[in-house]
C-alpha atoms as a PDB file:
ATOM      1  CA  UNK A   1     -24.937 127.559 -43.918  1.00  0.00           C
ATOM      2  CA  UNK A   2     -23.945 130.141 -41.323  1.00  0.00           C
ATOM      3  CA  UNK A   3     -23.650 129.424 -37.625  1.00  0.00           C
ATOM      4  CA  UNK A   4     -22.319 132.269 -35.502  1.00  0.00           C
ATOM      5  CA  UNK A   5     -22.628 130.054 -32.414  1.00  0.00           C
ATOM      6  CA  UNK A   6     -19.819 127.796 -33.658  1.00  0.00           C
ATOM      7  CA  UNK A   7     -16.644 128.162 -31.567  1.00  0.00           C
ATOM      8  CA  UNK A   8     -13.547 126.297 -32.664  1.00  0.00           C
ATOM      9  CA  UNK A   9      -9.967 126.456 -31.474  1.00  0.00           C
ATOM     10  CA  UNK A  10      -6.370 125.632 -32.275  1.00  0.00           C
ATOM     11  CA  UNK A  11      -4.284 124.619 -29.280  1.00  0.00           C
ATOM     12  CA  UNK A  12      -0.571 124.144 -30.054  1.00  0.00           C
ATOM     13  CA  UNK A  13       1.989 122.906 -27.520  1.00  0.00           C
ATOM     14  CA  UNK A  14       5.176 125.009 -27.330  1.00  0.00           C
ATOM     15  CA  UNK A  15       7.477 122.002 -27.100  1.00  0.00           C
ATOM     16  CA  UNK A  16       8.679 122.919 -30.562  1.00  0.00           C
ATOM     17  CA  UNK A  17       7.820 124.892 -33.675  1.00  0.00           C
ATOM     18  CA  UNK A  18       4.866 124.438 -36.007  1.00  0.00           C
ATOM     19  CA  UNK A  19       5.469 121.914 -38.805  1.00  0.00           C
ATOM     20  CA  UNK A  20       3.419 120.742 -41.780  1.00  0.00           C
ATOM     21  CA  UNK A  21       1.329 118.376 -39.649  1.00  0.00           C
ATOM     22  CA  UNK A  22       0.496 121.293 -37.346  1.00  0.00           C
ATOM     23  CA  UNK A  23      -0.493 123.341 -40.376  1.00  0.00           C
ATOM     24  CA  UNK A  24      -2.944 120.675 -41.573  1.00  0.00           C
ATOM     25  CA  UNK A  25      -4.658 120.604 -38.169  1.00  0.00           C
ATOM     26  CA  UNK A  26      -4.686 124.396 -37.820  1.00  0.00           C
ATOM     27  CA  UNK A  27      -6.058 124.853 -41.338  1.00  0.00           C
ATOM     28  CA  UNK A  28      -8.830 122.304 -40.850  1.00  0.00           C
ATOM     29  CA  UNK A  29      -9.988 123.922 -37.609  1.00  0.00           C
ATOM     30  CA  UNK A  30      -9.750 127.420 -39.099  1.00  0.00           C
ATOM     31  CA  UNK A  31     -11.676 126.653 -42.264  1.00  0.00           C
ATOM     32  CA  UNK A  32     -14.323 124.616 -40.452  1.00  0.00           C
ATOM     33  CA  UNK A  33     -15.035 127.633 -38.239  1.00  0.00           C
ATOM     34  CA  UNK A  34     -14.708 130.470 -40.733  1.00  0.00           C
ATOM     35  CA  UNK A  35     -16.678 128.753 -43.505  1.00  0.00           C
ATOM     36  CA  UNK A  36     -19.861 129.079 -41.434  1.00  0.00           C
ATOM     37  CA  UNK A  37     -19.097 132.407 -39.776  1.00  0.00           C
ATOM     38  CA  UNK A  38     -17.921 130.876 -36.489  1.00  0.00           C
ATOM     39  CA  UNK A  39     -15.220 131.967 -34.068  1.00  0.00           C
ATOM     40  CA  UNK A  40     -11.683 130.563 -34.028  1.00  0.00           C
ATOM     41  CA  UNK A  41      -9.774 130.761 -30.764  1.00  0.00           C
ATOM     42  CA  UNK A  42      -6.084 130.246 -30.049  1.00  0.00           C
ATOM     43  CA  UNK A  43      -4.908 128.541 -26.856  1.00  0.00           C
ATOM     44  CA  UNK A  44      -1.318 127.827 -25.889  1.00  0.00           C
ATOM     45  CA  UNK A  45      -1.161 124.450 -24.138  1.00  0.00           C
ATOM     46  CA  UNK A  46       1.908 125.241 -22.049  1.00  0.00           C
ATOM     47  CA  UNK A  47       1.352 122.673 -19.303  1.00  0.00           C
ATOM     48  CA  UNK A  48       4.848 121.189 -19.317  1.00  0.00           C
ATOM     49  CA  UNK A  49       7.585 123.810 -18.798  1.00  0.00           C
ATOM     50  CA  UNK A  50      10.452 121.254 -18.782  1.00  0.00           C
ATOM     51  CA  UNK A  51       9.559 120.243 -22.361  1.00  0.00           C
ATOM     52  CA  UNK A  52       8.935 123.759 -23.617  1.00  0.00           C
ATOM     53  CA  UNK A  53      11.417 125.047 -26.192  1.00  0.00           C
ATOM     54  CA  UNK A  54      12.651 128.551 -25.482  1.00  0.00           C
ATOM     55  CA  UNK A  55      11.113 130.996 -27.953  1.00  0.00           C
ATOM     56  CA  UNK A  56       8.591 128.482 -29.301  1.00  0.00           C
ATOM     57  CA  UNK A  57       5.526 130.414 -28.158  1.00  0.00           C
ATOM     58  CA  UNK A  58       6.564 133.553 -30.025  1.00  0.00           C
ATOM     59  CA  UNK A  59       7.602 131.498 -33.051  1.00  0.00           C
ATOM     60  CA  UNK A  60       4.203 129.781 -33.163  1.00  0.00           C
ATOM     61  CA  UNK A  61       2.378 133.126 -33.076  1.00  0.00           C
ATOM     62  CA  UNK A  62       4.605 134.675 -35.731  1.00  0.00           C
ATOM     63  CA  UNK A  63       4.202 131.627 -37.993  1.00  0.00           C
ATOM     64  CA  UNK A  64       0.419 131.695 -37.728  1.00  0.00           C
ATOM     65  CA  UNK A  65       0.424 135.389 -38.582  1.00  0.00           C
ATOM     66  CA  UNK A  66       2.782 134.832 -41.538  1.00  0.00           C
ATOM     67  CA  UNK A  67       0.400 132.155 -42.844  1.00  0.00           C
ATOM     68  CA  UNK A  68      -2.569 134.548 -42.676  1.00  0.00           C
ATOM     69  CA  UNK A  69      -4.414 133.106 -39.677  1.00  0.00           C
ATOM     70  CA  UNK A  70      -6.449 135.514 -37.544  1.00  0.00           C
ATOM     71  CA  UNK A  71      -7.892 134.441 -34.208  1.00  0.00           C
ATOM     72  CA  UNK A  72     -10.750 135.891 -32.186  1.00  0.00           C
ATOM     73  CA  UNK A  73     -10.133 137.441 -28.799  1.00  0.00           C
ATOM     74  CA  UNK A  74      -6.958 137.207 -26.762  1.00  0.00           C
ATOM     75  CA  UNK A  75      -4.576 134.295 -26.742  1.00  0.00           C
ATOM     76  CA  UNK A  76      -5.339 131.969 -23.817  1.00  0.00           C
ATOM     77  CA  UNK A  77      -2.568 130.144 -21.944  1.00  0.00           C
ATOM     78  CA  UNK A  78      -3.074 127.064 -19.817  1.00  0.00           C
ATOM     79  CA  UNK A  79      -0.278 128.218 -17.539  1.00  0.00           C
ATOM     80  CA  UNK A  80      -2.685 130.936 -16.320  1.00  0.00           C
ATOM     81  CA  UNK A  81      -5.301 128.344 -15.334  1.00  0.00           C
ATOM     82  CA  UNK A  82      -3.455 126.346 -12.668  1.00  0.00           C
ATOM     83  CA  UNK A  83      -5.752 127.496  -9.857  1.00  0.00           C
ATOM     84  CA  UNK A  84      -8.812 126.127 -11.676  1.00  0.00           C
ATOM     85  CA  UNK A  85      -7.149 122.759 -12.346  1.00  0.00           C
ATOM     86  CA  UNK A  86      -5.945 122.456  -8.741  1.00  0.00           C
ATOM     87  CA  UNK A  87      -9.368 123.280  -7.294  1.00  0.00           C
ATOM     88  CA  UNK A  88     -11.039 120.596  -9.398  1.00  0.00           C
ATOM     89  CA  UNK A  89      -8.460 117.958  -8.511  1.00  0.00           C
ATOM     90  CA  UNK A  90      -8.869 118.746  -4.816  1.00  0.00           C
ATOM     91  CA  UNK A  91     -12.642 118.331  -5.159  1.00  0.00           C
ATOM     92  CA  UNK A  92     -12.374 115.038  -7.071  1.00  0.00           C
ATOM     93  CA  UNK A  93      -9.891 113.717  -4.508  1.00  0.00           C
ATOM     94  CA  UNK A  94     -12.011 114.729  -1.507  1.00  0.00           C
ATOM     95  CA  UNK A  95     -15.085 113.086  -3.052  1.00  0.00           C
ATOM     96  CA  UNK A  96     -13.247 109.813  -3.691  1.00  0.00           C
ATOM     97  CA  UNK A  97     -13.444 110.136  -7.471  1.00  0.00           C
ATOM     98  CA  UNK A  98      -9.662 110.420  -7.670  1.00  0.00           C
ATOM     99  CA  UNK A  99      -6.870 108.897  -5.620  1.00  0.00           C
ATOM    100  CA  UNK A 100      -3.106 109.070  -5.042  1.00  0.00           C
ATOM    101  CA  UNK A 101      -0.856 106.683  -6.972  1.00  0.00           C
ATOM    102  CA  UNK A 102       2.779 106.009  -6.064  1.00  0.00           C
ATOM    103  CA  UNK A 103       3.478 103.434  -8.772  1.00  0.00           C
ATOM    104  CA  UNK A 104       6.743 103.885 -10.634  1.00  0.00           C
ATOM    105  CA  UNK A 105       7.139 103.407 -14.364  1.00  0.00           C
ATOM    106  CA  UNK A 106       9.097 100.240 -13.695  1.00  0.00           C
ATOM    107  CA  UNK A 107       6.232  98.829 -11.631  1.00  0.00           C
ATOM    108  CA  UNK A 108       3.842  99.456 -14.525  1.00  0.00           C
ATOM    109  CA  UNK A 109       6.009  97.786 -17.157  1.00  0.00           C
ATOM    110  CA  UNK A 110       4.147  94.918 -18.742  1.00  0.00           C
ATOM    111  CA  UNK A 111       0.702  96.403 -18.130  1.00  0.00           C
ATOM    112  CA  UNK A 112       0.291  97.294 -21.793  1.00  0.00           C
ATOM    113  CA  UNK A 113      -0.469 100.901 -20.931  1.00  0.00           C
ATOM    114  CA  UNK A 114      -3.604  99.923 -18.997  1.00  0.00           C
ATOM    115  CA  UNK A 115      -3.392 100.857 -15.344  1.00  0.00           C
ATOM    116  CA  UNK A 116      -3.970  97.697 -13.255  1.00  0.00           C
ATOM    117  CA  UNK A 117      -5.481  99.549 -10.282  1.00  0.00           C
ATOM    118  CA  UNK A 118      -2.587  98.889  -7.897  1.00  0.00           C
ATOM    119  CA  UNK A 119      -3.169 102.013  -5.752  1.00  0.00           C
ATOM    120  CA  UNK A 120      -6.922 102.288  -6.277  1.00  0.00           C
ATOM    121  CA  UNK A 121      -7.891 101.391  -2.735  1.00  0.00           C
ATOM    122  CA  UNK A 122      -4.552 101.927  -0.981  1.00  0.00           C
ATOM    123  CA  UNK A 123      -5.468 105.298   0.555  1.00  0.00           C
ATOM    124  CA  UNK A 124      -2.097 106.930  -0.122  1.00  0.00           C
ATOM    125  CA  UNK A 125      -1.483 110.549   0.817  1.00  0.00           C
ATOM    126  CA  UNK A 126      -1.627 112.946  -2.122  1.00  0.00           C
ATOM    127  CA  UNK A 127       1.685 114.639  -1.285  1.00  0.00           C
ATOM    128  CA  UNK A 128       4.364 113.600  -3.763  1.00  0.00           C
ATOM    129  CA  UNK A 129       2.026 111.210  -5.568  1.00  0.00           C
ATOM    130  CA  UNK A 130       0.344 111.205  -8.950  1.00  0.00           C
ATOM    131  CA  UNK A 131      -3.434 111.653  -8.910  1.00  0.00           C
ATOM    132  CA  UNK A 132      -5.520 109.221 -10.925  1.00  0.00           C
ATOM    133  CA  UNK A 133      -9.180 109.461 -11.857  1.00  0.00           C
ATOM    134  CA  UNK A 134     -11.341 106.392 -11.260  1.00  0.00           C
ATOM    135  CA  UNK A 135     -12.963 105.265 -14.481  1.00  0.00           C
ATOM    136  CA  UNK A 136     -16.137 103.215 -14.784  1.00  0.00           C
ATOM    137  CA  UNK A 137     -16.371  99.829 -16.449  1.00  0.00           C
ATOM    138  CA  UNK A 138     -18.200 101.411 -19.371  1.00  0.00           C
ATOM    139  CA  UNK A 139     -17.791 101.668 -23.116  1.00  0.00           C
ATOM    140  CA  UNK A 140     -17.842 105.164 -24.543  1.00  0.00           C
ATOM    141  CA  UNK A 141     -18.801 105.738 -28.159  1.00  0.00           C
ATOM    142  CA  UNK A 142     -19.115 108.822 -30.306  1.00  0.00           C
ATOM    143  CA  UNK A 143     -19.474 109.689 -33.980  1.00  0.00           C
ATOM    144  CA  UNK A 144     -16.484 111.551 -35.334  1.00  0.00           C
ATOM    145  CA  UNK A 145     -17.368 113.778 -38.264  1.00  0.00           C
ATOM    146  CA  UNK A 146     -14.604 112.218 -40.405  1.00  0.00           C
ATOM    147  CA  UNK A 147     -13.506 108.963 -38.793  1.00  0.00           C
ATOM    148  CA  UNK A 148     -17.021 107.736 -38.094  1.00  0.00           C
ATOM    149  CA  UNK A 149     -18.010 105.693 -35.040  1.00  0.00           C
ATOM    150  CA  UNK A 150     -15.338 105.192 -32.412  1.00  0.00           C
ATOM    151  CA  UNK A 151     -15.695 102.958 -29.349  1.00  0.00           C
ATOM    152  CA  UNK A 152     -13.484 102.443 -26.317  1.00  0.00           C
ATOM    153  CA  UNK A 153     -14.070 100.591 -23.061  1.00  0.00           C
ATOM    154  CA  UNK A 154     -12.461 102.744 -20.414  1.00  0.00           C
ATOM    155  CA  UNK A 155     -12.101 100.024 -17.814  1.00  0.00           C
ATOM    156  CA  UNK A 156     -10.592  97.384 -20.114  1.00  0.00           C
ATOM    157  CA  UNK A 157      -8.680  99.554 -22.587  1.00  0.00           C
ATOM    158  CA  UNK A 158      -7.474 102.506 -20.483  1.00  0.00           C
ATOM    159  CA  UNK A 159      -7.863 102.040 -16.747  1.00  0.00           C
ATOM    160  CA  UNK A 160      -7.716 104.845 -14.182  1.00  0.00           C
ATOM    161  CA  UNK A 161      -5.733 107.656 -15.778  1.00  0.00           C
ATOM    162  CA  UNK A 162      -3.496 110.400 -14.414  1.00  0.00           C
ATOM    163  CA  UNK A 163      -4.939 113.894 -14.018  1.00  0.00           C
ATOM    164  CA  UNK A 164      -1.953 115.313 -12.114  1.00  0.00           C
ATOM    165  CA  UNK A 165       1.578 114.022 -12.382  1.00  0.00           C
ATOM    166  CA  UNK A 166       3.817 113.187  -9.459  1.00  0.00           C
ATOM    167  CA  UNK A 167       5.902 116.308 -10.198  1.00  0.00           C
ATOM    168  CA  UNK A 168       2.758 118.418  -9.728  1.00  0.00           C
ATOM    169  CA  UNK A 169       2.193 119.189 -13.394  1.00  0.00           C
ATOM    170  CA  UNK A 170      -1.414 118.961 -14.586  1.00  0.00           C
ATOM    171  CA  UNK A 171      -2.369 116.372 -17.196  1.00  0.00           C
ATOM    172  CA  UNK A 172      -3.610 117.226 -20.675  1.00  0.00           C
ATOM    173  CA  UNK A 173      -6.843 115.223 -20.363  1.00  0.00           C
ATOM    174  CA  UNK A 174      -8.092 117.294 -17.440  1.00  0.00           C
ATOM    175  CA  UNK A 175      -6.926 120.680 -18.703  1.00  0.00           C
ATOM    176  CA  UNK A 176      -8.321 120.315 -22.220  1.00  0.00           C
ATOM    177  CA  UNK A 177     -11.776 119.400 -20.933  1.00  0.00           C
ATOM    178  CA  UNK A 178     -11.912 122.300 -18.484  1.00  0.00           C
ATOM    179  CA  UNK A 179     -10.568 124.797 -20.990  1.00  0.00           C
ATOM    180  CA  UNK A 180     -12.851 123.790 -23.859  1.00  0.00           C
ATOM    181  CA  UNK A 181     -15.841 124.238 -21.532  1.00  0.00           C
ATOM    182  CA  UNK A 182     -14.478 127.536 -20.147  1.00  0.00           C
ATOM    183  CA  UNK A 183     -14.048 128.915 -23.665  1.00  0.00           C
ATOM    184  CA  UNK A 184     -17.414 127.607 -24.876  1.00  0.00           C
ATOM    185  CA  UNK A 185     -15.859 125.457 -27.601  1.00  0.00           C
ATOM    186  CA  UNK A 186     -18.555 123.714 -29.621  1.00  0.00           C
ATOM    187  CA  UNK A 187     -16.331 121.952 -32.170  1.00  0.00           C
ATOM    188  CA  UNK A 188     -12.955 120.308 -31.668  1.00  0.00           C
ATOM    189  CA  UNK A 189     -10.974 119.793 -34.875  1.00  0.00           C
ATOM    190  CA  UNK A 190      -7.573 118.146 -34.302  1.00  0.00           C
ATOM    191  CA  UNK A 191      -5.224 115.352 -35.368  1.00  0.00           C
ATOM    192  CA  UNK A 192      -6.216 111.701 -35.330  1.00  0.00           C
ATOM    193  CA  UNK A 193      -3.493 110.936 -32.778  1.00  0.00           C
ATOM    194  CA  UNK A 194      -5.947 112.282 -30.177  1.00  0.00           C
ATOM    195  CA  UNK A 195      -8.831 110.050 -31.256  1.00  0.00           C
ATOM    196  CA  UNK A 196      -7.965 107.524 -28.536  1.00  0.00           C
ATOM    197  CA  UNK A 197      -8.022 110.295 -25.911  1.00  0.00           C
ATOM    198  CA  UNK A 198     -11.562 111.399 -26.708  1.00  0.00           C
ATOM    199  CA  UNK A 199     -13.440 108.779 -24.613  1.00  0.00           C
ATOM    200  CA  UNK A 200     -11.523 109.871 -21.501  1.00  0.00           C
ATOM    201  CA  UNK A 201     -12.555 113.419 -22.222  1.00  0.00           C
ATOM    202  CA  UNK A 202     -16.172 112.375 -22.776  1.00  0.00           C
ATOM    203  CA  UNK A 203     -16.124 110.691 -19.368  1.00  0.00           C
ATOM    204  CA  UNK A 204     -14.736 113.820 -17.706  1.00  0.00           C
ATOM    205  CA  UNK A 205     -17.419 115.910 -19.404  1.00  0.00           C
ATOM    206  CA  UNK A 206     -20.109 113.558 -18.096  1.00  0.00           C
ATOM    207  CA  UNK A 207     -18.593 113.486 -14.612  1.00  0.00           C
ATOM    208  CA  UNK A 208     -18.379 117.293 -14.406  1.00  0.00           C
ATOM    209  CA  UNK A 209     -21.689 118.035 -16.126  1.00  0.00           C
ATOM    210  CA  UNK A 210     -19.994 119.838 -19.023  1.00  0.00           C
ATOM    211  CA  UNK A 211     -21.281 120.082 -22.616  1.00  0.00           C
ATOM    212  CA  UNK A 212     -19.851 117.699 -25.195  1.00  0.00           C
ATOM    213  CA  UNK A 213     -18.366 119.326 -28.305  1.00  0.00           C
ATOM    214  CA  UNK A 214     -18.581 117.819 -31.776  1.00  0.00           C
ATOM    215  CA  UNK A 215     -15.339 116.145 -32.822  1.00  0.00           C
ATOM    216  CA  UNK A 216     -13.483 115.977 -36.130  1.00  0.00           C
ATOM    217  CA  UNK A 217     -10.122 114.201 -36.287  1.00  0.00           C
ATOM    218  CA  UNK A 218      -8.007 114.822 -39.380  1.00  0.00           C
ATOM    219  CA  UNK A 219      -5.411 112.315 -40.670  1.00  0.00           C
ATOM    220  CA  UNK A 220      -1.860 112.556 -39.368  1.00  0.00           C
ATOM    221  CA  UNK A 221       0.889 113.255 -41.852  1.00  0.00           C
ATOM    222  CA  UNK A 222       3.402 110.393 -41.822  1.00  0.00           C
ATOM    223  CA  UNK A 223       7.089 110.568 -42.736  1.00  0.00           C
ATOM    224  CA  UNK A 224       8.773 107.915 -44.914  1.00  0.00           C
ATOM    225  CA  UNK A 225      10.091 106.130 -41.800  1.00  0.00           C
ATOM    226  CA  UNK A 226       6.542 105.709 -40.501  1.00  0.00           C
ATOM    227  CA  UNK A 227       6.730 108.357 -37.787  1.00  0.00           C
ATOM    228  CA  UNK A 228       4.200 111.156 -37.730  1.00  0.00           C
ATOM    229  CA  UNK A 229       5.373 114.667 -38.428  1.00  0.00           C
ATOM    230  CA  UNK A 230       5.973 116.083 -34.989  1.00  0.00           C
ATOM    231  CA  UNK A 231       8.252 117.964 -32.666  1.00  0.00           C
ATOM    232  CA  UNK A 232       9.640 114.725 -31.202  1.00  0.00           C
ATOM    233  CA  UNK A 233      11.131 113.761 -34.565  1.00  0.00           C
ATOM    234  CA  UNK A 234      12.569 117.192 -35.381  1.00  0.00           C
ATOM    235  CA  UNK A 235      10.181 117.810 -38.266  1.00  0.00           C
ATOM    236  CA  UNK A 236      11.216 120.944 -40.149  1.00  0.00           C
ATOM    237  CA  UNK A 237       9.486 124.131 -38.970  1.00  0.00           C
ATOM    238  CA  UNK A 238       7.178 125.959 -41.347  1.00  0.00           C
ATOM    239  CA  UNK A 239       9.162 128.503 -43.414  1.00  0.00           C
ATOM    240  CA  UNK A 240       7.397 131.905 -43.504  1.00  0.00           C
ATOM    241  CA  UNK A 241       8.297 132.470 -47.179  1.00  0.00           C
ATOM    242  CA  UNK A 242       6.540 129.257 -48.270  1.00  0.00           C
ATOM    243  CA  UNK A 243       3.150 130.024 -46.760  1.00  0.00           C
ATOM    244  CA  UNK A 244       0.976 129.860 -49.879  1.00  0.00           C
ATOM    245  CA  UNK A 245       2.566 126.710 -51.400  1.00  0.00           C
ATOM    246  CA  UNK A 246       2.324 124.906 -48.063  1.00  0.00           C
ATOM    247  CA  UNK A 247      -1.253 126.054 -47.483  1.00  0.00           C
ATOM    248  CA  UNK A 248      -2.064 124.625 -50.920  1.00  0.00           C
ATOM    249  CA  UNK A 249      -0.439 121.305 -49.955  1.00  0.00           C
ATOM    250  CA  UNK A 250      -2.361 121.294 -46.686  1.00  0.00           C
ATOM    251  CA  UNK A 251      -5.613 121.843 -48.551  1.00  0.00           C
ATOM    252  CA  UNK A 252      -4.811 118.816 -50.714  1.00  0.00           C
ATOM    253  CA  UNK A 253      -4.049 116.764 -47.600  1.00  0.00           C
ATOM    254  CA  UNK A 254      -7.536 117.658 -46.367  1.00  0.00           C
ATOM    255  CA  UNK A 255      -9.141 116.394 -49.559  1.00  0.00           C
ATOM    256  CA  UNK A 256      -9.941 119.834 -50.949  1.00  0.00           C
ATOM    257  CA  UNK A 257      -9.203 120.650 -54.586  1.00  0.00           C
ATOM    258  CA  UNK A 258      -7.217 123.897 -54.705  1.00  0.00           C
ATOM    259  CA  UNK A 259      -6.193 125.232 -58.124  1.00  0.00           C
ATOM    260  CA  UNK A 260      -2.455 125.325 -58.846  1.00  0.00           C
ATOM    261  CA  UNK A 261      -2.407 129.129 -58.906  1.00  0.00           C
ATOM    262  CA  UNK A 262      -3.258 129.203 -55.200  1.00  0.00           C
ATOM    263  CA  UNK A 263       0.414 128.553 -54.481  1.00  0.00           C
ATOM    264  CA  UNK A 264       1.331 131.882 -56.058  1.00  0.00           C
ATOM    265  CA  UNK A 265      -1.044 134.284 -54.292  1.00  0.00           C
ATOM    266  CA  UNK A 266      -0.920 135.737 -50.787  1.00  0.00           C
ATOM    267  CA  UNK A 267      -1.607 133.524 -47.769  1.00  0.00           C
ATOM    268  CA  UNK A 268      -4.765 135.437 -46.896  1.00  0.00           C
ATOM    269  CA  UNK A 269      -6.057 135.022 -50.419  1.00  0.00           C
ATOM    270  CA  UNK A 270      -5.328 131.285 -50.210  1.00  0.00           C
ATOM    271  CA  UNK A 271      -7.205 131.085 -46.918  1.00  0.00           C
ATOM    272  CA  UNK A 272     -10.108 133.025 -48.420  1.00  0.00           C
ATOM    273  CA  UNK A 273     -10.324 130.441 -51.202  1.00  0.00           C
ATOM    274  CA  UNK A 274     -10.275 127.685 -48.587  1.00  0.00           C
ATOM    275  CA  UNK A 275     -13.063 129.307 -46.592  1.00  0.00           C
ATOM    276  CA  UNK A 276     -15.251 129.744 -49.666  1.00  0.00           C
ATOM    277  CA  UNK A 277     -14.733 126.146 -50.872  1.00  0.00           C
ATOM    278  CA  UNK A 278     -14.449 124.209 -47.609  1.00  0.00           C
ATOM    279  CA  UNK A 279     -16.113 120.783 -47.597  1.00  0.00           C
ATOM    280  CA  UNK A 280     -15.307 118.780 -44.487  1.00  0.00           C
ATOM    281  CA  UNK A 281     -16.879 115.741 -46.151  1.00  0.00           C
ATOM    282  CA  UNK A 282     -13.884 115.599 -48.497  1.00  0.00           C
ATOM    283  CA  UNK A 283     -11.367 114.948 -45.715  1.00  0.00           C
ATOM    284  CA  UNK A 284      -9.916 111.440 -46.178  1.00  0.00           C
ATOM    285  CA  UNK A 285     -11.463 108.955 -43.757  1.00  0.00           C
ATOM    286  CA  UNK A 286      -8.186 107.512 -42.514  1.00  0.00           C
ATOM    287  CA  UNK A 287      -5.897 108.046 -39.565  1.00  0.00           C
ATOM    288  CA  UNK A 288      -2.680 108.682 -41.515  1.00  0.00           C
ATOM    289  CA  UNK A 289      -1.514 110.105 -44.831  1.00  0.00           C
ATOM    290  CA  UNK A 290       1.980 109.706 -46.300  1.00  0.00           C
ATOM    291  CA  UNK A 291       3.735 113.042 -46.671  1.00  0.00           C
ATOM    292  CA  UNK A 292       5.321 111.920 -49.947  1.00  0.00           C
ATOM    293  CA  UNK A 293       1.889 111.600 -51.573  1.00  0.00           C
ATOM    294  CA  UNK A 294       1.200 115.300 -51.020  1.00  0.00           C
ATOM    295  CA  UNK A 295       4.175 116.780 -52.821  1.00  0.00           C
END
């Protein structure tokens, strides 16, 4: 089946280098798009300069190129979209859909991560405050292409969430929704750690009258100590000279059945095999996979 209207994307955060977990997510989104003749976009989610590792953006691009990935169009950067985020927040605030919150982290201890609504009707000034979006007392549900049905009650399980931090930095939930709509993304393929974020994004899409993409959340790769592979735990960066063997491992993590010889050909040839044989239905229906099982 070919679908030239399909638009997917990979959106790394430059708070570190790409690791094997990043590769699994990038590969899944790439193959899902290319296997049906769709577009694959690249977006740098550089919303948090204090956490950005110097040189990480260039390293991410060079690693993707070394592993044979080719993206459509120019690289997009969220740091170039601040004016759009700010304009929307100002509109939501002026319409009463968002409000200023001056709660400290200490004040929110014991809330279980669910905002208790302390500042909801306080009428604080926006200057120097975080901005929270009012959420309805509604349950959101969607069908993930791998994980199946997912439900979350925004009022009971999340509460009003931050769309701009007190330090002025814009929140991921707002930026990702605006940018996916701006780029015309039809299919979001990403790690299962973002499954819980999806209902907030669905609500924003409804609130703003934006189209809802299809979602596919791939399992996270878990280290022996139980932590996911990630920049926070200093997971080893992807070595350029191991592209084909690691692409082969990533294909296995995604439930595909690559032949052993794939590890000994060029990265682009390995990706071509993946495109020709991609079956999203084979992806394991679970949230995590142990890294040791993939060796």
